[in-house]
Amino acid sequence: MPDSRKPDDRLIVALDVPDALEGLKLAETLGDTVSFYKIGLGMLTGGGLALANELKTGHGKRIFLDMKLFDIGATVETAVRGLAQFALDFLTVHGDPHVVRAAQEGKRGHDTKILAVTILTSLDRPDLDAALIKPGDVRDIVLERAVNALNAGADGLIASPREAAAIRALPEAEGRLIVTPGVRPAGAAPGDQKRIATPARAIAAGADHIVVGRPVWQAADPRAAAQAIVDELAAPLR
């Protein structure tokens, strides 16, 4: 019998593979199991924008371009104006208010959602110390940056699943998106992520979308790995 299960766009698969050809091959392997893909900075010189366009226009997929833009306002505005021509669904910038405001100006006239990065999910307090980030609990700094970015006009936030519930509780977060990287299915290796959670727990904490990369594309059967995550999202959290 045909498989009646539908893709769940709460799952975003990160195409963190070497180039666009590998990305397209993986997307074809995943087929209709996955409807939303993230293309990051690492693939920019490997045909990432061409892949984004192909998946969007040729395959009907949703696209999250993860560039984490950071520069002076005029440069960010110009970059976002150019990228918005690709009809992207999500685009990331760093959560500094001047960057968020410039990105919103750059996307004017397009439906692209600007998502602000709070603190990268690969960082913990020692990393922030090394970067001369002010003292304090990581969670508190994430929340402060979240409020500032939302007040500057961000359509949503990129945040660790461990901070998703606290962000969702913010008055400023009402009606805004929360997208969580650092998601690992039970038993998966954490890799370079330090603030992680399982897919179901990330959604239960308030995330609208989760981003999963290596646990899918490094799996012996990527399609089955993606379907297992979709099934987990559909099941009640125990």
C-alpha atoms as a PDB file:
ATOM      1  CA  MET A   1       0.000   0.000   0.000  1.00  0.00           C
ATOM      2  CA  PRO A   2       1.252   3.562  -0.607  1.00  0.00           C
ATOM      3  CA  ASP A   3       2.628   5.511   2.325  1.00  0.00           C
ATOM      4  CA  SER A   4      -0.058   8.012   3.379  1.00  0.00           C
ATOM      5  CA  ARG A   5       2.186   9.896   5.774  1.00  0.00           C
ATOM      6  CA  LYS A   6       2.745  13.551   4.914  1.00  0.00           C
ATOM      7  CA  PRO A   7       5.861  15.693   5.356  1.00  0.00           C
ATOM      8  CA  ASP A   8       5.844  17.871   8.445  1.00  0.00           C
ATOM      9  CA  ASP A   9       7.369  21.276   7.782  1.00  0.00           C
ATOM     10  CA  ARG A  10       8.232  21.633  11.455  1.00  0.00           C
ATOM     11  CA  LEU A  11      11.252  19.526  10.469  1.00  0.00           C
ATOM     12  CA  ILE A  12      13.906  21.480   8.584  1.00  0.00           C
ATOM     13  CA  VAL A  13      16.751  19.339   7.273  1.00  0.00           C
ATOM     14  CA  ALA A  14      20.117  21.082   7.101  1.00  0.00           C
ATOM     15  CA  LEU A  15      21.873  20.385   3.813  1.00  0.00           C
ATOM     16  CA  ASP A  16      25.339  20.702   5.327  1.00  0.00           C
ATOM     17  CA  VAL A  17      26.943  18.742   2.502  1.00  0.00           C
ATOM     18  CA  PRO A  18      29.894  19.817   0.304  1.00  0.00           C
ATOM     19  CA  ASP A  19      28.075  21.241  -2.698  1.00  0.00           C
ATOM     20  CA  ALA A  20      24.788  21.735  -4.509  1.00  0.00           C
ATOM     21  CA  LEU A  21      25.004  18.446  -6.390  1.00  0.00           C
ATOM     22  CA  GLU A  22      25.279  16.509  -3.132  1.00  0.00           C
ATOM     23  CA  GLY A  23      22.485  18.613  -1.669  1.00  0.00           C
ATOM     24  CA  LEU A  24      20.174  17.912  -4.581  1.00  0.00           C
ATOM     25  CA  LYS A  25      21.016  14.208  -4.437  1.00  0.00           C
ATOM     26  CA  LEU A  26      20.144  14.129  -0.726  1.00  0.00           C
ATOM     27  CA  ALA A  27      16.891  16.009  -1.311  1.00  0.00           C
ATOM     28  CA  GLU A  28      15.936  13.514  -4.011  1.00  0.00           C
ATOM     29  CA  THR A  29      16.721  10.651  -1.629  1.00  0.00           C
ATOM     30  CA  LEU A  30      14.522  12.202   1.061  1.00  0.00           C
ATOM     31  CA  GLY A  31      11.769  12.808  -1.472  1.00  0.00           C
ATOM     32  CA  ASP A  32       8.388  13.794  -0.067  1.00  0.00           C
ATOM     33  CA  THR A  33       9.456  12.912   3.490  1.00  0.00           C
ATOM     34  CA  VAL A  34      10.941  16.413   3.874  1.00  0.00           C
ATOM     35  CA  SER A  35       9.412  19.681   2.687  1.00  0.00           C
ATOM     36  CA  PHE A  36      11.753  22.252   4.263  1.00  0.00           C
ATOM     37  CA  TYR A  37      15.530  22.614   3.859  1.00  0.00           C
ATOM     38  CA  LYS A  38      18.230  24.770   5.400  1.00  0.00           C
ATOM     39  CA  ILE A  39      21.160  25.904   3.269  1.00  0.00           C
ATOM     40  CA  GLY A  40      23.987  27.413   5.250  1.00  0.00           C
ATOM     41  CA  LEU A  41      27.053  29.544   4.782  1.00  0.00           C
ATOM     42  CA  GLY A  42      29.260  26.500   4.251  1.00  0.00           C
ATOM     43  CA  MET A  43      27.586  25.790   0.916  1.00  0.00           C
ATOM     44  CA  LEU A  44      27.572  29.374  -0.344  1.00  0.00           C
ATOM     45  CA  THR A  45      30.597  28.799  -2.596  1.00  0.00           C
ATOM     46  CA  GLY A  46      29.361  25.320  -3.516  1.00  0.00           C
ATOM     47  CA  GLY A  47      26.278  26.503  -5.379  1.00  0.00           C
ATOM     48  CA  GLY A  48      24.053  27.093  -2.373  1.00  0.00           C
ATOM     49  CA  LEU A  49      21.957  29.841  -3.937  1.00  0.00           C
ATOM     50  CA  ALA A  50      21.457  27.801  -7.098  1.00  0.00           C
ATOM     51  CA  LEU A  51      20.379  24.849  -4.963  1.00  0.00           C
ATOM     52  CA  ALA A  52      17.969  27.049  -3.024  1.00  0.00           C
ATOM     53  CA  ASN A  53      16.408  28.211  -6.284  1.00  0.00           C
ATOM     54  CA  GLU A  54      16.205  24.682  -7.701  1.00  0.00           C
ATOM     55  CA  LEU A  55      14.565  23.237  -4.592  1.00  0.00           C
ATOM     56  CA  LYS A  56      12.153  26.155  -4.344  1.00  0.00           C
ATOM     57  CA  THR A  57      11.054  26.509  -7.942  1.00  0.00           C
ATOM     58  CA  GLY A  58      11.696  23.009  -9.292  1.00  0.00           C
ATOM     59  CA  HIS A  59      10.667  20.876  -6.331  1.00  0.00           C
ATOM     60  CA  GLY A  60       8.252  23.041  -4.361  1.00  0.00           C
ATOM     61  CA  LYS A  61      10.314  22.971  -1.172  1.00  0.00           C
ATOM     62  CA  ARG A  62      10.501  25.656   1.487  1.00  0.00           C
ATOM     63  CA  ILE A  63      13.941  27.211   1.976  1.00  0.00           C
ATOM     64  CA  PHE A  64      15.737  28.527   5.045  1.00  0.00           C
ATOM     65  CA  LEU A  65      18.919  30.367   4.043  1.00  0.00           C
ATOM     66  CA  ASP A  66      21.159  30.459   7.094  1.00  0.00           C
ATOM     67  CA  MET A  67      23.661  33.244   6.410  1.00  0.00           C
ATOM     68  CA  LYS A  68      23.772  34.834   9.900  1.00  0.00           C
ATOM     69  CA  LEU A  69      24.444  38.212   8.310  1.00  0.00           C
ATOM     70  CA  PHE A  70      26.338  40.787  10.358  1.00  0.00           C
ATOM     71  CA  ASP A  71      27.721  44.088   9.081  1.00  0.00           C
ATOM     72  CA  ILE A  72      26.943  47.775   9.029  1.00  0.00           C
ATOM     73  CA  GLY A  73      23.287  48.513   8.370  1.00  0.00           C
ATOM     74  CA  ALA A  74      23.666  49.651   4.754  1.00  0.00           C
ATOM     75  CA  THR A  75      25.538  46.480   3.804  1.00  0.00           C
ATOM     76  CA  VAL A  76      23.037  44.190   5.519  1.00  0.00           C
ATOM     77  CA  GLU A  77      20.147  45.987   3.835  1.00  0.00           C
ATOM     78  CA  THR A  78      21.743  45.598   0.404  1.00  0.00           C
ATOM     79  CA  ALA A  79      22.565  41.920   0.968  1.00  0.00           C
ATOM     80  CA  VAL A  80      19.051  41.100   2.153  1.00  0.00           C
ATOM     81  CA  ARG A  81      17.503  42.988  -0.772  1.00  0.00           C
ATOM     82  CA  GLY A  82      19.466  40.785  -3.156  1.00  0.00           C
ATOM     83  CA  LEU A  83      18.759  37.531  -1.319  1.00  0.00           C
ATOM     84  CA  ALA A  84      15.051  38.255  -0.998  1.00  0.00           C
ATOM     85  CA  GLN A  85      14.780  37.969  -4.789  1.00  0.00           C
ATOM     86  CA  PHE A  86      15.110  34.189  -4.323  1.00  0.00           C
ATOM     87  CA  ALA A  87      11.711  34.063  -2.544  1.00  0.00           C
ATOM     88  CA  LEU A  88      13.288  32.552   0.549  1.00  0.00           C
ATOM     89  CA  ASP A  89      11.068  31.502   3.431  1.00  0.00           C
ATOM     90  CA  PHE A  90      13.563  32.216   6.243  1.00  0.00           C
ATOM     91  CA  LEU A  91      16.820  34.200   6.359  1.00  0.00           C
ATOM     92  CA  THR A  92      19.046  34.570   9.420  1.00  0.00           C
ATOM     93  CA  VAL A  93      20.891  37.613  10.681  1.00  0.00           C
ATOM     94  CA  HIS A  94      22.655  38.270  13.953  1.00  0.00           C
ATOM     95  CA  GLY A  95      20.294  39.625  16.572  1.00  0.00           C
ATOM     96  CA  ASP A  96      21.879  43.039  17.062  1.00  0.00           C
ATOM     97  CA  PRO A  97      19.069  45.600  16.689  1.00  0.00           C
ATOM     98  CA  HIS A  98      20.763  47.639  13.939  1.00  0.00           C
ATOM     99  CA  VAL A  99      21.232  44.464  11.887  1.00  0.00           C
ATOM    100  CA  VAL A 100      17.617  43.362  12.333  1.00  0.00           C
ATOM    101  CA  ARG A 101      16.258  46.774  11.363  1.00  0.00           C
ATOM    102  CA  ALA A 102      18.431  46.871   8.246  1.00  0.00           C
ATOM    103  CA  ALA A 103      17.366  43.357   7.237  1.00  0.00           C
ATOM    104  CA  GLN A 104      13.693  44.246   7.575  1.00  0.00           C
ATOM    105  CA  GLU A 105      14.251  47.266   5.350  1.00  0.00           C
ATOM    106  CA  GLY A 106      16.081  45.121   2.814  1.00  0.00           C
ATOM    107  CA  LYS A 107      13.313  42.523   2.563  1.00  0.00           C
ATOM    108  CA  ARG A 108      10.583  45.131   2.099  1.00  0.00           C
ATOM    109  CA  GLY A 109       8.039  43.877  -0.443  1.00  0.00           C
ATOM    110  CA  HIS A 110       8.945  40.200   0.076  1.00  0.00           C
ATOM    111  CA  ASP A 111       7.551  37.524   2.385  1.00  0.00           C
ATOM    112  CA  THR A 112      10.933  36.316   3.650  1.00  0.00           C
ATOM    113  CA  LYS A 113      10.952  35.967   7.436  1.00  0.00           C
ATOM    114  CA  ILE A 114      13.963  37.519   9.161  1.00  0.00           C
ATOM    115  CA  LEU A 115      15.152  35.300  11.994  1.00  0.00           C
ATOM    116  CA  ALA A 116      17.587  36.711  14.534  1.00  0.00           C
ATOM    117  CA  VAL A 117      20.367  34.662  16.120  1.00  0.00           C
ATOM    118  CA  THR A 118      20.637  35.068  19.885  1.00  0.00           C
ATOM    119  CA  ILE A 119      23.596  32.933  21.016  1.00  0.00           C
ATOM    120  CA  LEU A 120      24.891  30.148  18.772  1.00  0.00           C
ATOM    121  CA  THR A 121      23.888  26.718  20.060  1.00  0.00           C
ATOM    122  CA  SER A 122      27.505  25.550  19.821  1.00  0.00           C
ATOM    123  CA  LEU A 123      28.551  28.075  22.505  1.00  0.00           C
ATOM    124  CA  ASP A 124      28.534  27.882  26.288  1.00  0.00           C
ATOM    125  CA  ARG A 125      29.701  30.238  29.035  1.00  0.00           C
ATOM    126  CA  PRO A 126      33.459  29.603  28.578  1.00  0.00           C
ATOM    127  CA  ASP A 127      33.064  30.398  24.869  1.00  0.00           C
ATOM    128  CA  LEU A 128      31.305  33.669  25.722  1.00  0.00           C
ATOM    129  CA  ASP A 129      34.076  34.531  28.164  1.00  0.00           C
ATOM    130  CA  ALA A 130      36.661  33.991  25.441  1.00  0.00           C
ATOM    131  CA  ALA A 131      34.679  36.298  23.151  1.00  0.00           C
ATOM    132  CA  LEU A 132      34.509  38.986  25.874  1.00  0.00           C
ATOM    133  CA  ILE A 133      30.718  38.728  26.085  1.00  0.00           C
ATOM    134  CA  LYS A 134      29.424  40.264  29.305  1.00  0.00           C
ATOM    135  CA  PRO A 135      29.199  38.042  32.405  1.00  0.00           C
ATOM    136  CA  GLY A 136      25.987  36.253  33.249  1.00  0.00           C
ATOM    137  CA  ASP A 137      24.041  33.087  32.684  1.00  0.00           C
ATOM    138  CA  VAL A 138      23.778  32.082  29.001  1.00  0.00           C
ATOM    139  CA  ARG A 139      20.006  31.786  29.293  1.00  0.00           C
ATOM    140  CA  ASP A 140      19.672  35.317  30.645  1.00  0.00           C
ATOM    141  CA  ILE A 141      21.809  36.732  27.835  1.00  0.00           C
ATOM    142  CA  VAL A 142      19.780  34.813  25.251  1.00  0.00           C
ATOM    143  CA  LEU A 143      16.546  36.263  26.643  1.00  0.00           C
ATOM    144  CA  GLU A 144      17.942  39.800  26.677  1.00  0.00           C
ATOM    145  CA  ARG A 145      19.130  39.502  23.084  1.00  0.00           C
ATOM    146  CA  ALA A 146      15.797  37.950  22.112  1.00  0.00           C
ATOM    147  CA  VAL A 147      13.814  40.878  23.491  1.00  0.00           C
ATOM    148  CA  ASN A 148      16.101  43.395  21.777  1.00  0.00           C
ATOM    149  CA  ALA A 149      15.846  41.600  18.423  1.00  0.00           C
ATOM    150  CA  LEU A 150      12.070  41.254  18.608  1.00  0.00           C
ATOM    151  CA  ASN A 151      11.672  44.891  19.536  1.00  0.00           C
ATOM    152  CA  ALA A 152      13.794  45.750  16.491  1.00  0.00           C
ATOM    153  CA  GLY A 153      11.303  43.912  14.273  1.00  0.00           C
ATOM    154  CA  ALA A 154      12.595  40.343  13.912  1.00  0.00           C
ATOM    155  CA  ASP A 155       9.973  37.931  12.579  1.00  0.00           C
ATOM    156  CA  GLY A 156      11.397  35.225  14.792  1.00  0.00           C
ATOM    157  CA  LEU A 157      14.414  33.869  16.566  1.00  0.00           C
ATOM    158  CA  ILE A 158      17.025  31.169  16.313  1.00  0.00           C
ATOM    159  CA  ALA A 159      17.552  29.744  19.777  1.00  0.00           C
ATOM    160  CA  SER A 160      18.641  26.640  21.612  1.00  0.00           C
ATOM    161  CA  PRO A 161      15.784  24.288  22.538  1.00  0.00           C
ATOM    162  CA  ARG A 162      16.846  24.807  26.146  1.00  0.00           C
ATOM    163  CA  GLU A 163      15.795  28.457  25.928  1.00  0.00           C
ATOM    164  CA  ALA A 164      12.756  27.997  23.695  1.00  0.00           C
ATOM    165  CA  ALA A 165      10.194  27.810  26.520  1.00  0.00           C
ATOM    166  CA  ALA A 166      11.522  30.958  28.194  1.00  0.00           C
ATOM    167  CA  ILE A 167      11.505  32.821  24.882  1.00  0.00           C
ATOM    168  CA  ARG A 168       7.989  31.624  24.071  1.00  0.00           C
ATOM    169  CA  ALA A 169       6.845  33.058  27.415  1.00  0.00           C
ATOM    170  CA  LEU A 170       8.092  36.543  26.527  1.00  0.00           C
ATOM    171  CA  PRO A 171       5.296  39.002  25.698  1.00  0.00           C
ATOM    172  CA  GLU A 172       7.422  40.207  22.774  1.00  0.00           C
ATOM    173  CA  ALA A 173       7.456  36.671  21.296  1.00  0.00           C
ATOM    174  CA  GLU A 174       3.711  36.444  20.768  1.00  0.00           C
ATOM    175  CA  GLY A 175       3.061  35.599  17.138  1.00  0.00           C
ATOM    176  CA  ARG A 176       6.785  35.300  16.341  1.00  0.00           C
ATOM    177  CA  LEU A 177       8.656  32.220  15.147  1.00  0.00           C
ATOM    178  CA  ILE A 178      11.130  30.172  17.173  1.00  0.00           C
ATOM    179  CA  VAL A 179      13.458  27.914  15.196  1.00  0.00           C
ATOM    180  CA  THR A 180      15.758  25.588  17.089  1.00  0.00           C
ATOM    181  CA  PRO A 181      18.989  24.059  15.850  1.00  0.00           C
ATOM    182  CA  GLY A 182      20.876  21.868  18.297  1.00  0.00           C
ATOM    183  CA  VAL A 183      18.202  19.171  17.969  1.00  0.00           C
ATOM    184  CA  ARG A 184      19.275  15.559  18.195  1.00  0.00           C
ATOM    185  CA  PRO A 185      17.081  12.437  18.123  1.00  0.00           C
ATOM    186  CA  ALA A 186      17.501  10.206  21.178  1.00  0.00           C
ATOM    187  CA  GLY A 187      20.792   8.332  20.972  1.00  0.00           C
ATOM    188  CA  ALA A 188      22.339  10.600  18.325  1.00  0.00           C
ATOM    189  CA  ALA A 189      25.815  12.028  18.902  1.00  0.00           C
ATOM    190  CA  PRO A 190      25.747  15.717  19.936  1.00  0.00           C
ATOM    191  CA  GLY A 191      28.583  16.651  17.558  1.00  0.00           C
ATOM    192  CA  ASP A 192      29.644  20.272  18.122  1.00  0.00           C
ATOM    193  CA  GLN A 193      26.325  21.253  19.685  1.00  0.00           C
ATOM    194  CA  LYS A 194      26.283  21.900  23.450  1.00  0.00           C
ATOM    195  CA  ARG A 195      22.717  23.000  24.260  1.00  0.00           C
ATOM    196  CA  ILE A 196      20.567  20.260  22.711  1.00  0.00           C
ATOM    197  CA  ALA A 197      17.197  18.515  23.039  1.00  0.00           C
ATOM    198  CA  THR A 198      15.216  15.821  21.239  1.00  0.00           C
ATOM    199  CA  PRO A 199      12.813  16.866  18.455  1.00  0.00           C
ATOM    200  CA  ALA A 200       9.632  16.332  20.465  1.00  0.00           C
ATOM    201  CA  ARG A 201      10.976  18.169  23.492  1.00  0.00           C
ATOM    202  CA  ALA A 202      12.067  21.137  21.386  1.00  0.00           C
ATOM    203  CA  ILE A 203       8.560  21.465  19.926  1.00  0.00           C
ATOM    204  CA  ALA A 204       6.988  20.991  23.357  1.00  0.00           C
ATOM    205  CA  ALA A 205       9.201  23.792  24.658  1.00  0.00           C
ATOM    206  CA  GLY A 206       7.706  26.231  22.173  1.00  0.00           C
ATOM    207  CA  ALA A 207       9.685  25.844  18.946  1.00  0.00           C
ATOM    208  CA  ASP A 208       7.795  26.184  15.662  1.00  0.00           C
ATOM    209  CA  HIS A 209      10.506  24.437  13.648  1.00  0.00           C
ATOM    210  CA  ILE A 210      13.505  22.251  14.451  1.00  0.00           C
ATOM    211  CA  VAL A 211      16.682  21.962  12.388  1.00  0.00           C
ATOM    212  CA  VAL A 212      18.360  18.562  12.055  1.00  0.00           C
ATOM    213  CA  GLY A 213      21.375  17.896   9.870  1.00  0.00           C
ATOM    214  CA  ARG A 214      23.925  15.182  10.539  1.00  0.00           C
ATOM    215  CA  PRO A 215      21.533  12.705  12.203  1.00  0.00           C
ATOM    216  CA  VAL A 216      19.694  12.647   8.858  1.00  0.00           C
ATOM    217  CA  TRP A 217      22.325  12.948   6.163  1.00  0.00           C
ATOM    218  CA  GLN A 218      24.930  10.815   7.946  1.00  0.00           C
ATOM    219  CA  ALA A 219      22.418   8.026   8.569  1.00  0.00           C
ATOM    220  CA  ALA A 220      22.695   4.746   6.683  1.00  0.00           C
ATOM    221  CA  ASP A 221      19.137   5.400   5.485  1.00  0.00           C
ATOM    222  CA  PRO A 222      18.524   9.192   5.467  1.00  0.00           C
ATOM    223  CA  ARG A 223      14.904   8.863   4.401  1.00  0.00           C
ATOM    224  CA  ALA A 224      14.124   6.495   7.282  1.00  0.00           C
ATOM    225  CA  ALA A 225      15.960   8.789   9.709  1.00  0.00           C
ATOM    226  CA  ALA A 226      13.909  11.782   8.570  1.00  0.00           C
ATOM    227  CA  GLN A 227      10.673   9.805   8.742  1.00  0.00           C
ATOM    228  CA  ALA A 228      11.487   8.706  12.284  1.00  0.00           C
ATOM    229  CA  ILE A 229      11.774  12.362  13.312  1.00  0.00           C
ATOM    230  CA  VAL A 230       8.484  13.211  11.592  1.00  0.00           C
ATOM    231  CA  ASP A 231       6.843  10.299  13.409  1.00  0.00           C
ATOM    232  CA  GLU A 232       8.270  11.494  16.727  1.00  0.00           C
ATOM    233  CA  LEU A 233       6.833  14.967  16.147  1.00  0.00           C
ATOM    234  CA  ALA A 234       3.421  13.461  15.438  1.00  0.00           C
ATOM    235  CA  ALA A 235       3.389  11.338  18.610  1.00  0.00           C
ATOM    236  CA  PRO A 236       2.363  12.663  22.029  1.00  0.00           C
ATOM    237  CA  LEU A 237       5.366  13.488  24.222  1.00  0.00           C
ATOM    238  CA  ARG A 238       5.670  10.943  27.024  1.00  0.00           C
END
